[in-house]
Amino acid sequence: MLGFDSLERMLDRAAKNSESYPPYNIEQIDPSHLQITIAVAGFGEDDLSIEVQDKQLTVSGRRVEDENAPARRYLYRGIASRQFQRSFVLADGIEVEDAHLDNGLLHIDLKQNEPEQKIRQIKISKKEHGGKIEKPSEKAKIEKK
C-alpha cells in the first residue's frame, strides 16, 4: 500500500539515529493498518503523552514520583523508568486512530487513508497558429475580413 513503504524507511532511519530506549515494534495489521507498540514498563497513562504535529508523531514519558510514597532502596534496578521522547515521521495519508496501554505496552494504531479521488473536467479551447488562445469575438472579426 502506498505510504507505508516510505513510513517504514523513515522509521528505520530514525531508529538507527536514536537511542534504543524504550524499545518498540512496528507491525502491519492489514494492508491499511499499522500498530506501533512501545515497551513502557512502570509508566501509567498519566505519565505518557502522545502528540501529532504536522507529520510527526511524538511519544514521551515522564514518571512523576509520589512525594508521599516511602523512599525505596534498590539492591538492583533493572527496570528503567527514566523520561523519554520518541518521534516517528508519518507518511502522507497516515493518521493516528487510537492508543491504549496494556500490560506495560503502549499500542498506537495507525491507518492509511485512501486518497480522495477528485475528478475535474477540463475545457478544451482552440488556439491560433501563433499559440494564442482564440477568443470567439476575435474569430468573428477575422472571418468578416
N, C-alpha and C. Protein backbone atom coordinates (compact mmCIF):
# COMPACT_ATOMS: atom_id res chain seq x y z
N MET A 1 0.86 -1.17 0.00
CA MET A 1 0.00 0.00 0.00
C MET A 1 0.90 1.23 0.00
N LEU A 2 0.58 2.18 -0.82
CA LEU A 2 1.38 3.40 -0.90
C LEU A 2 1.35 4.12 0.43
N GLY A 3 2.47 4.66 0.82
CA GLY A 3 2.54 5.42 2.06
C GLY A 3 3.27 4.63 3.15
N PHE A 4 3.00 3.34 3.24
CA PHE A 4 3.63 2.56 4.29
C PHE A 4 5.10 2.29 4.00
N ASP A 5 5.46 2.09 2.73
CA ASP A 5 6.86 1.84 2.40
C ASP A 5 7.73 3.01 2.83
N SER A 6 7.30 4.21 2.50
CA SER A 6 8.10 5.38 2.88
C SER A 6 8.09 5.56 4.40
N LEU A 7 6.97 5.24 5.04
CA LEU A 7 6.89 5.34 6.51
C LEU A 7 7.89 4.39 7.14
N GLU A 8 7.94 3.16 6.64
CA GLU A 8 8.86 2.18 7.21
C GLU A 8 10.32 2.59 7.00
N ARG A 9 10.64 3.14 5.83
CA ARG A 9 12.01 3.61 5.59
C ARG A 9 12.38 4.74 6.55
N MET A 10 11.44 5.68 6.75
CA MET A 10 11.71 6.80 7.66
C MET A 10 11.87 6.30 9.10
N LEU A 11 11.04 5.34 9.49
CA LEU A 11 11.13 4.81 10.84
C LEU A 11 12.44 4.07 11.04
N ASP A 12 12.89 3.33 10.03
CA ASP A 12 14.18 2.64 10.13
C ASP A 12 15.33 3.63 10.29
N ARG A 13 15.30 4.71 9.50
CA ARG A 13 16.34 5.74 9.61
C ARG A 13 16.33 6.37 11.00
N ALA A 14 15.14 6.66 11.50
CA ALA A 14 15.02 7.28 12.82
C ALA A 14 15.53 6.34 13.90
N ALA A 15 15.24 5.06 13.76
CA ALA A 15 15.67 4.09 14.76
C ALA A 15 17.19 3.97 14.80
N LYS A 16 17.83 4.03 13.65
CA LYS A 16 19.28 3.90 13.60
C LYS A 16 19.97 5.12 14.18
N ASN A 17 19.32 6.28 14.13
CA ASN A 17 19.94 7.52 14.60
C ASN A 17 19.56 7.87 16.03
N SER A 18 18.74 7.07 16.67
CA SER A 18 18.28 7.46 18.00
C SER A 18 18.65 6.42 19.05
N GLU A 19 18.40 6.79 20.26
CA GLU A 19 18.63 5.92 21.40
C GLU A 19 17.67 4.74 21.33
N SER A 20 18.00 3.64 21.95
CA SER A 20 17.18 2.44 21.87
C SER A 20 16.14 2.34 22.98
N TYR A 21 16.02 3.33 23.84
CA TYR A 21 15.05 3.30 24.93
C TYR A 21 13.90 4.24 24.64
N PRO A 22 12.72 3.83 24.80
CA PRO A 22 12.26 2.47 25.08
C PRO A 22 12.17 1.66 23.79
N PRO A 23 12.29 0.34 23.89
CA PRO A 23 12.20 -0.48 22.69
C PRO A 23 10.78 -0.45 22.11
N TYR A 24 10.68 -0.68 20.81
CA TYR A 24 9.36 -0.65 20.16
C TYR A 24 9.32 -1.61 18.99
N ASN A 25 8.11 -1.96 18.58
CA ASN A 25 7.85 -2.78 17.39
C ASN A 25 6.92 -2.00 16.48
N ILE A 26 7.01 -2.28 15.18
CA ILE A 26 6.03 -1.76 14.22
C ILE A 26 5.49 -2.97 13.48
N GLU A 27 4.19 -3.12 13.54
CA GLU A 27 3.54 -4.30 12.98
C GLU A 27 2.50 -3.88 11.96
N GLN A 28 2.46 -4.57 10.83
CA GLN A 28 1.41 -4.31 9.84
C GLN A 28 0.27 -5.26 10.13
N ILE A 29 -0.85 -4.70 10.59
CA ILE A 29 -2.01 -5.50 10.97
C ILE A 29 -2.75 -6.00 9.74
N ASP A 30 -2.97 -5.13 8.78
CA ASP A 30 -3.56 -5.46 7.48
C ASP A 30 -3.07 -4.41 6.49
N PRO A 31 -3.46 -4.49 5.21
CA PRO A 31 -2.89 -3.55 4.22
C PRO A 31 -3.08 -2.07 4.54
N SER A 32 -4.08 -1.72 5.35
CA SER A 32 -4.29 -0.30 5.62
C SER A 32 -4.10 0.08 7.09
N HIS A 33 -3.59 -0.83 7.91
CA HIS A 33 -3.39 -0.55 9.33
C HIS A 33 -2.00 -0.98 9.80
N LEU A 34 -1.37 -0.12 10.60
CA LEU A 34 -0.12 -0.41 11.28
C LEU A 34 -0.34 -0.23 12.77
N GLN A 35 0.52 -0.86 13.56
CA GLN A 35 0.47 -0.64 15.00
C GLN A 35 1.90 -0.51 15.51
N ILE A 36 2.14 0.58 16.23
CA ILE A 36 3.42 0.79 16.90
C ILE A 36 3.21 0.36 18.35
N THR A 37 4.07 -0.52 18.84
CA THR A 37 3.99 -0.98 20.23
C THR A 37 5.28 -0.58 20.92
N ILE A 38 5.15 0.18 22.01
CA ILE A 38 6.31 0.67 22.74
C ILE A 38 6.28 0.09 24.15
N ALA A 39 7.41 -0.49 24.59
CA ALA A 39 7.52 -1.06 25.94
C ALA A 39 7.71 0.08 26.94
N VAL A 40 6.72 0.28 27.78
CA VAL A 40 6.75 1.39 28.74
C VAL A 40 6.51 0.87 30.16
N ALA A 41 7.24 -0.17 30.54
CA ALA A 41 7.08 -0.76 31.87
C ALA A 41 7.29 0.30 32.95
N GLY A 42 6.39 0.33 33.91
CA GLY A 42 6.49 1.28 35.02
C GLY A 42 5.82 2.61 34.78
N PHE A 43 5.35 2.86 33.56
CA PHE A 43 4.66 4.11 33.24
C PHE A 43 3.15 3.86 33.22
N GLY A 44 2.40 4.79 33.79
CA GLY A 44 0.95 4.74 33.73
C GLY A 44 0.43 5.68 32.67
N GLU A 45 -0.87 5.65 32.44
CA GLU A 45 -1.48 6.51 31.42
C GLU A 45 -1.18 7.99 31.67
N ASP A 46 -1.16 8.39 32.94
CA ASP A 46 -0.92 9.80 33.26
C ASP A 46 0.54 10.21 33.04
N ASP A 47 1.44 9.22 32.93
CA ASP A 47 2.86 9.50 32.74
C ASP A 47 3.24 9.62 31.26
N LEU A 48 2.31 9.28 30.37
CA LEU A 48 2.60 9.23 28.94
C LEU A 48 1.87 10.32 28.18
N SER A 49 2.48 10.78 27.09
CA SER A 49 1.88 11.81 26.24
C SER A 49 2.12 11.42 24.79
N ILE A 50 1.06 11.54 23.97
CA ILE A 50 1.16 11.25 22.54
C ILE A 50 0.67 12.49 21.80
N GLU A 51 1.51 13.02 20.91
CA GLU A 51 1.15 14.21 20.14
C GLU A 51 1.47 14.00 18.67
N VAL A 52 0.64 14.59 17.82
CA VAL A 52 0.91 14.61 16.39
C VAL A 52 0.95 16.07 15.96
N GLN A 53 2.09 16.48 15.42
CA GLN A 53 2.23 17.84 14.92
C GLN A 53 2.78 17.75 13.51
N ASP A 54 2.04 18.34 12.58
CA ASP A 54 2.34 18.20 11.16
C ASP A 54 2.36 16.71 10.83
N LYS A 55 3.47 16.18 10.43
CA LYS A 55 3.55 14.75 10.09
C LYS A 55 4.44 14.00 11.07
N GLN A 56 4.60 14.53 12.27
CA GLN A 56 5.47 13.89 13.25
C GLN A 56 4.68 13.43 14.46
N LEU A 57 4.79 12.13 14.76
CA LEU A 57 4.17 11.53 15.93
C LEU A 57 5.24 11.50 17.02
N THR A 58 4.95 12.07 18.18
CA THR A 58 5.90 12.09 19.28
C THR A 58 5.27 11.45 20.51
N VAL A 59 5.97 10.47 21.06
CA VAL A 59 5.53 9.80 22.28
C VAL A 59 6.55 10.13 23.35
N SER A 60 6.08 10.64 24.47
CA SER A 60 7.00 10.96 25.55
C SER A 60 6.47 10.40 26.86
N GLY A 61 7.40 10.11 27.75
CA GLY A 61 7.05 9.57 29.06
C GLY A 61 7.86 10.25 30.13
N ARG A 62 7.17 10.60 31.18
CA ARG A 62 7.83 11.23 32.33
C ARG A 62 7.11 10.73 33.57
N ARG A 63 7.83 9.98 34.34
CA ARG A 63 7.24 9.38 35.53
C ARG A 63 7.37 10.36 36.69
N VAL A 64 6.23 10.65 37.28
CA VAL A 64 6.20 11.57 38.41
C VAL A 64 6.20 10.73 39.69
N GLU A 65 7.21 10.96 40.51
CA GLU A 65 7.30 10.22 41.78
C GLU A 65 6.32 10.79 42.79
N ASP A 66 5.68 9.92 43.49
CA ASP A 66 4.73 10.32 44.53
C ASP A 66 5.54 10.77 45.75
N GLU A 67 5.36 12.02 46.14
CA GLU A 67 6.12 12.57 47.28
C GLU A 67 5.75 11.90 48.59
N ASN A 68 4.54 11.39 48.69
CA ASN A 68 4.07 10.76 49.93
C ASN A 68 4.46 9.28 50.03
N ALA A 69 4.97 8.72 48.95
CA ALA A 69 5.37 7.31 48.96
C ALA A 69 6.68 7.16 49.74
N PRO A 70 6.82 6.05 50.45
CA PRO A 70 8.07 5.85 51.19
C PRO A 70 9.25 5.68 50.23
N ALA A 71 10.42 6.14 50.67
CA ALA A 71 11.63 6.04 49.85
C ALA A 71 11.99 4.56 49.68
N ARG A 72 12.42 4.23 48.48
CA ARG A 72 12.79 2.84 48.21
C ARG A 72 14.30 2.73 48.10
N ARG A 73 14.79 1.61 48.55
CA ARG A 73 16.23 1.33 48.46
C ARG A 73 16.39 0.09 47.59
N TYR A 74 16.91 0.31 46.37
CA TYR A 74 17.05 -0.78 45.41
C TYR A 74 18.40 -1.46 45.58
N LEU A 75 18.40 -2.78 45.59
CA LEU A 75 19.65 -3.54 45.56
C LEU A 75 20.09 -3.72 44.11
N TYR A 76 19.12 -3.83 43.21
CA TYR A 76 19.38 -3.88 41.77
C TYR A 76 18.19 -3.23 41.09
N ARG A 77 18.45 -2.34 40.14
CA ARG A 77 17.37 -1.66 39.44
C ARG A 77 17.55 -1.90 37.94
N GLY A 78 16.81 -2.88 37.41
CA GLY A 78 16.90 -3.23 36.01
C GLY A 78 15.77 -2.68 35.17
N ILE A 79 14.71 -2.21 35.82
CA ILE A 79 13.59 -1.64 35.10
C ILE A 79 13.81 -0.14 35.01
N ALA A 80 14.10 0.32 33.80
CA ALA A 80 14.36 1.74 33.60
C ALA A 80 13.05 2.51 33.68
N SER A 81 13.08 3.63 34.33
CA SER A 81 11.89 4.48 34.38
C SER A 81 12.28 5.93 34.11
N ARG A 82 13.33 6.09 33.34
CA ARG A 82 13.76 7.44 33.01
C ARG A 82 12.83 8.03 31.96
N GLN A 83 12.82 9.35 31.90
CA GLN A 83 11.96 10.00 30.92
C GLN A 83 12.48 9.74 29.52
N PHE A 84 11.58 9.78 28.56
CA PHE A 84 11.97 9.52 27.18
C PHE A 84 11.09 10.33 26.24
N GLN A 85 11.57 10.42 25.02
CA GLN A 85 10.80 11.01 23.92
C GLN A 85 11.21 10.29 22.65
N ARG A 86 10.24 9.73 21.97
CA ARG A 86 10.50 9.01 20.72
C ARG A 86 9.59 9.59 19.65
N SER A 87 10.18 9.89 18.49
CA SER A 87 9.42 10.51 17.39
C SER A 87 9.41 9.61 16.16
N PHE A 88 8.32 9.69 15.43
CA PHE A 88 8.13 8.95 14.19
C PHE A 88 7.59 9.92 13.15
N VAL A 89 8.14 9.89 11.95
CA VAL A 89 7.65 10.73 10.86
C VAL A 89 6.60 9.93 10.11
N LEU A 90 5.41 10.49 9.97
CA LEU A 90 4.30 9.81 9.31
C LEU A 90 4.25 10.18 7.83
N ALA A 91 3.99 9.20 7.00
CA ALA A 91 3.85 9.42 5.55
C ALA A 91 2.52 10.11 5.27
N ASP A 92 2.37 10.67 4.09
CA ASP A 92 1.12 11.30 3.69
C ASP A 92 -0.02 10.29 3.78
N GLY A 93 -1.14 10.72 4.32
CA GLY A 93 -2.32 9.87 4.41
C GLY A 93 -2.36 8.97 5.63
N ILE A 94 -1.30 8.95 6.44
CA ILE A 94 -1.27 8.12 7.64
C ILE A 94 -1.80 8.95 8.80
N GLU A 95 -2.77 8.40 9.52
CA GLU A 95 -3.34 9.09 10.68
C GLU A 95 -3.34 8.19 11.90
N VAL A 96 -3.19 8.79 13.08
CA VAL A 96 -3.27 8.05 14.33
C VAL A 96 -4.75 7.85 14.64
N GLU A 97 -5.14 6.59 14.80
CA GLU A 97 -6.54 6.26 15.08
C GLU A 97 -6.82 6.15 16.56
N ASP A 98 -5.94 5.47 17.30
CA ASP A 98 -6.22 5.15 18.69
C ASP A 98 -4.92 4.80 19.40
N ALA A 99 -4.95 4.83 20.72
CA ALA A 99 -3.82 4.40 21.53
C ALA A 99 -4.36 3.79 22.82
N HIS A 100 -3.73 2.71 23.25
CA HIS A 100 -4.14 2.10 24.52
C HIS A 100 -2.93 1.45 25.20
N LEU A 101 -3.00 1.40 26.52
CA LEU A 101 -1.94 0.85 27.35
C LEU A 101 -2.41 -0.50 27.88
N ASP A 102 -1.59 -1.54 27.68
CA ASP A 102 -1.98 -2.89 28.09
C ASP A 102 -0.75 -3.65 28.56
N ASN A 103 -0.72 -4.02 29.83
CA ASN A 103 0.38 -4.82 30.41
C ASN A 103 1.76 -4.22 30.14
N GLY A 104 1.90 -2.93 30.31
CA GLY A 104 3.20 -2.28 30.15
C GLY A 104 3.58 -1.99 28.71
N LEU A 105 2.65 -2.20 27.78
CA LEU A 105 2.90 -1.92 26.37
C LEU A 105 1.93 -0.86 25.89
N LEU A 106 2.45 0.17 25.26
CA LEU A 106 1.63 1.22 24.68
C LEU A 106 1.44 0.89 23.21
N HIS A 107 0.18 0.71 22.80
CA HIS A 107 -0.15 0.38 21.42
C HIS A 107 -0.73 1.61 20.75
N ILE A 108 -0.17 2.00 19.61
CA ILE A 108 -0.66 3.15 18.84
C ILE A 108 -1.08 2.64 17.48
N ASP A 109 -2.37 2.77 17.16
CA ASP A 109 -2.92 2.27 15.91
C ASP A 109 -2.90 3.37 14.85
N LEU A 110 -2.37 3.04 13.68
CA LEU A 110 -2.28 3.97 12.57
C LEU A 110 -3.10 3.44 11.40
N LYS A 111 -3.67 4.36 10.62
CA LYS A 111 -4.50 3.97 9.48
C LYS A 111 -4.05 4.72 8.25
N GLN A 112 -4.01 4.00 7.13
CA GLN A 112 -3.71 4.60 5.83
C GLN A 112 -5.04 5.02 5.21
N ASN A 113 -5.26 6.30 5.08
CA ASN A 113 -6.49 6.78 4.46
C ASN A 113 -6.34 6.73 2.95
N GLU A 114 -7.41 6.32 2.29
CA GLU A 114 -7.41 6.31 0.84
C GLU A 114 -7.39 7.76 0.35
N PRO A 115 -6.57 8.07 -0.64
CA PRO A 115 -6.55 9.44 -1.15
C PRO A 115 -7.90 9.78 -1.78
N GLU A 116 -8.31 11.01 -1.56
CA GLU A 116 -9.58 11.46 -2.11
C GLU A 116 -9.45 11.58 -3.63
N GLN A 117 -10.38 10.95 -4.31
CA GLN A 117 -10.33 10.99 -5.77
C GLN A 117 -11.11 12.20 -6.25
N LYS A 118 -10.42 13.07 -6.95
CA LYS A 118 -11.06 14.27 -7.48
C LYS A 118 -11.14 14.14 -9.00
N ILE A 119 -12.32 14.37 -9.53
CA ILE A 119 -12.50 14.35 -10.98
C ILE A 119 -12.83 15.77 -11.39
N ARG A 120 -12.09 16.26 -12.37
CA ARG A 120 -12.28 17.63 -12.83
C ARG A 120 -12.33 17.63 -14.34
N GLN A 121 -13.32 18.26 -14.90
CA GLN A 121 -13.44 18.37 -16.35
C GLN A 121 -12.62 19.58 -16.80
N ILE A 122 -11.84 19.40 -17.86
CA ILE A 122 -11.01 20.46 -18.41
C ILE A 122 -11.61 20.85 -19.75
N LYS A 123 -11.90 22.13 -19.91
CA LYS A 123 -12.47 22.63 -21.15
C LYS A 123 -11.38 22.74 -22.21
N ILE A 124 -11.68 22.28 -23.39
CA ILE A 124 -10.73 22.34 -24.49
C ILE A 124 -11.03 23.58 -25.32
N SER A 125 -10.03 24.42 -25.52
CA SER A 125 -10.22 25.63 -26.32
C SER A 125 -9.29 25.58 -27.52
N LYS A 126 -9.66 26.30 -28.58
CA LYS A 126 -8.86 26.31 -29.81
C LYS A 126 -7.76 27.35 -29.70
N LYS A 127 -6.64 27.07 -30.37
CA LYS A 127 -5.52 28.01 -30.39
C LYS A 127 -5.26 28.44 -31.81
N GLU A 128 -4.82 29.68 -31.97
CA GLU A 128 -4.39 30.17 -33.28
C GLU A 128 -3.04 29.57 -33.60
N HIS A 129 -2.57 29.77 -34.83
CA HIS A 129 -1.27 29.24 -35.22
C HIS A 129 -0.14 29.85 -34.41
N GLY A 130 -0.30 31.04 -33.91
CA GLY A 130 0.74 31.71 -33.13
C GLY A 130 0.80 31.23 -31.69
N GLY A 131 -0.08 30.33 -31.30
CA GLY A 131 -0.07 29.80 -29.95
C GLY A 131 -0.99 30.55 -29.01
N LYS A 132 -1.66 31.60 -29.48
CA LYS A 132 -2.57 32.34 -28.62
C LYS A 132 -3.92 31.66 -28.63
N ILE A 133 -4.59 31.75 -27.52
CA ILE A 133 -5.93 31.20 -27.44
C ILE A 133 -6.87 32.13 -28.19
N GLU A 134 -7.63 31.54 -29.07
CA GLU A 134 -8.53 32.30 -29.93
C GLU A 134 -9.82 32.58 -29.16
N LYS A 135 -10.17 33.83 -29.07
CA LYS A 135 -11.42 34.23 -28.41
C LYS A 135 -12.51 34.30 -29.47
N PRO A 136 -13.73 33.96 -29.12
CA PRO A 136 -14.81 33.97 -30.11
C PRO A 136 -14.98 35.31 -30.81
N SER A 137 -14.83 36.43 -30.11
CA SER A 137 -15.03 37.75 -30.72
C SER A 137 -13.92 38.02 -31.76
N GLU A 138 -12.69 37.63 -31.50
CA GLU A 138 -11.59 37.84 -32.45
C GLU A 138 -11.79 36.98 -33.70
N LYS A 139 -12.30 35.77 -33.50
CA LYS A 139 -12.55 34.86 -34.62
C LYS A 139 -13.60 35.46 -35.56
N ALA A 140 -14.63 36.04 -35.00
CA ALA A 140 -15.69 36.65 -35.79
C ALA A 140 -15.13 37.81 -36.60
N LYS A 141 -14.22 38.63 -36.03
CA LYS A 141 -13.62 39.76 -36.72
C LYS A 141 -12.78 39.29 -37.87
N ILE A 142 -12.04 38.20 -37.68
CA ILE A 142 -11.17 37.69 -38.75
C ILE A 142 -12.01 37.17 -39.90
N GLU A 143 -13.09 36.45 -39.63
CA GLU A 143 -13.94 35.89 -40.67
C GLU A 143 -14.64 36.97 -41.49
N LYS A 144 -14.92 38.13 -40.89
CA LYS A 144 -15.61 39.22 -41.59
C LYS A 144 -14.70 39.85 -42.63
N LYS A 145 -13.39 39.81 -42.47
CA LYS A 145 -12.45 40.49 -43.39
C LYS A 145 -12.35 39.82 -44.67
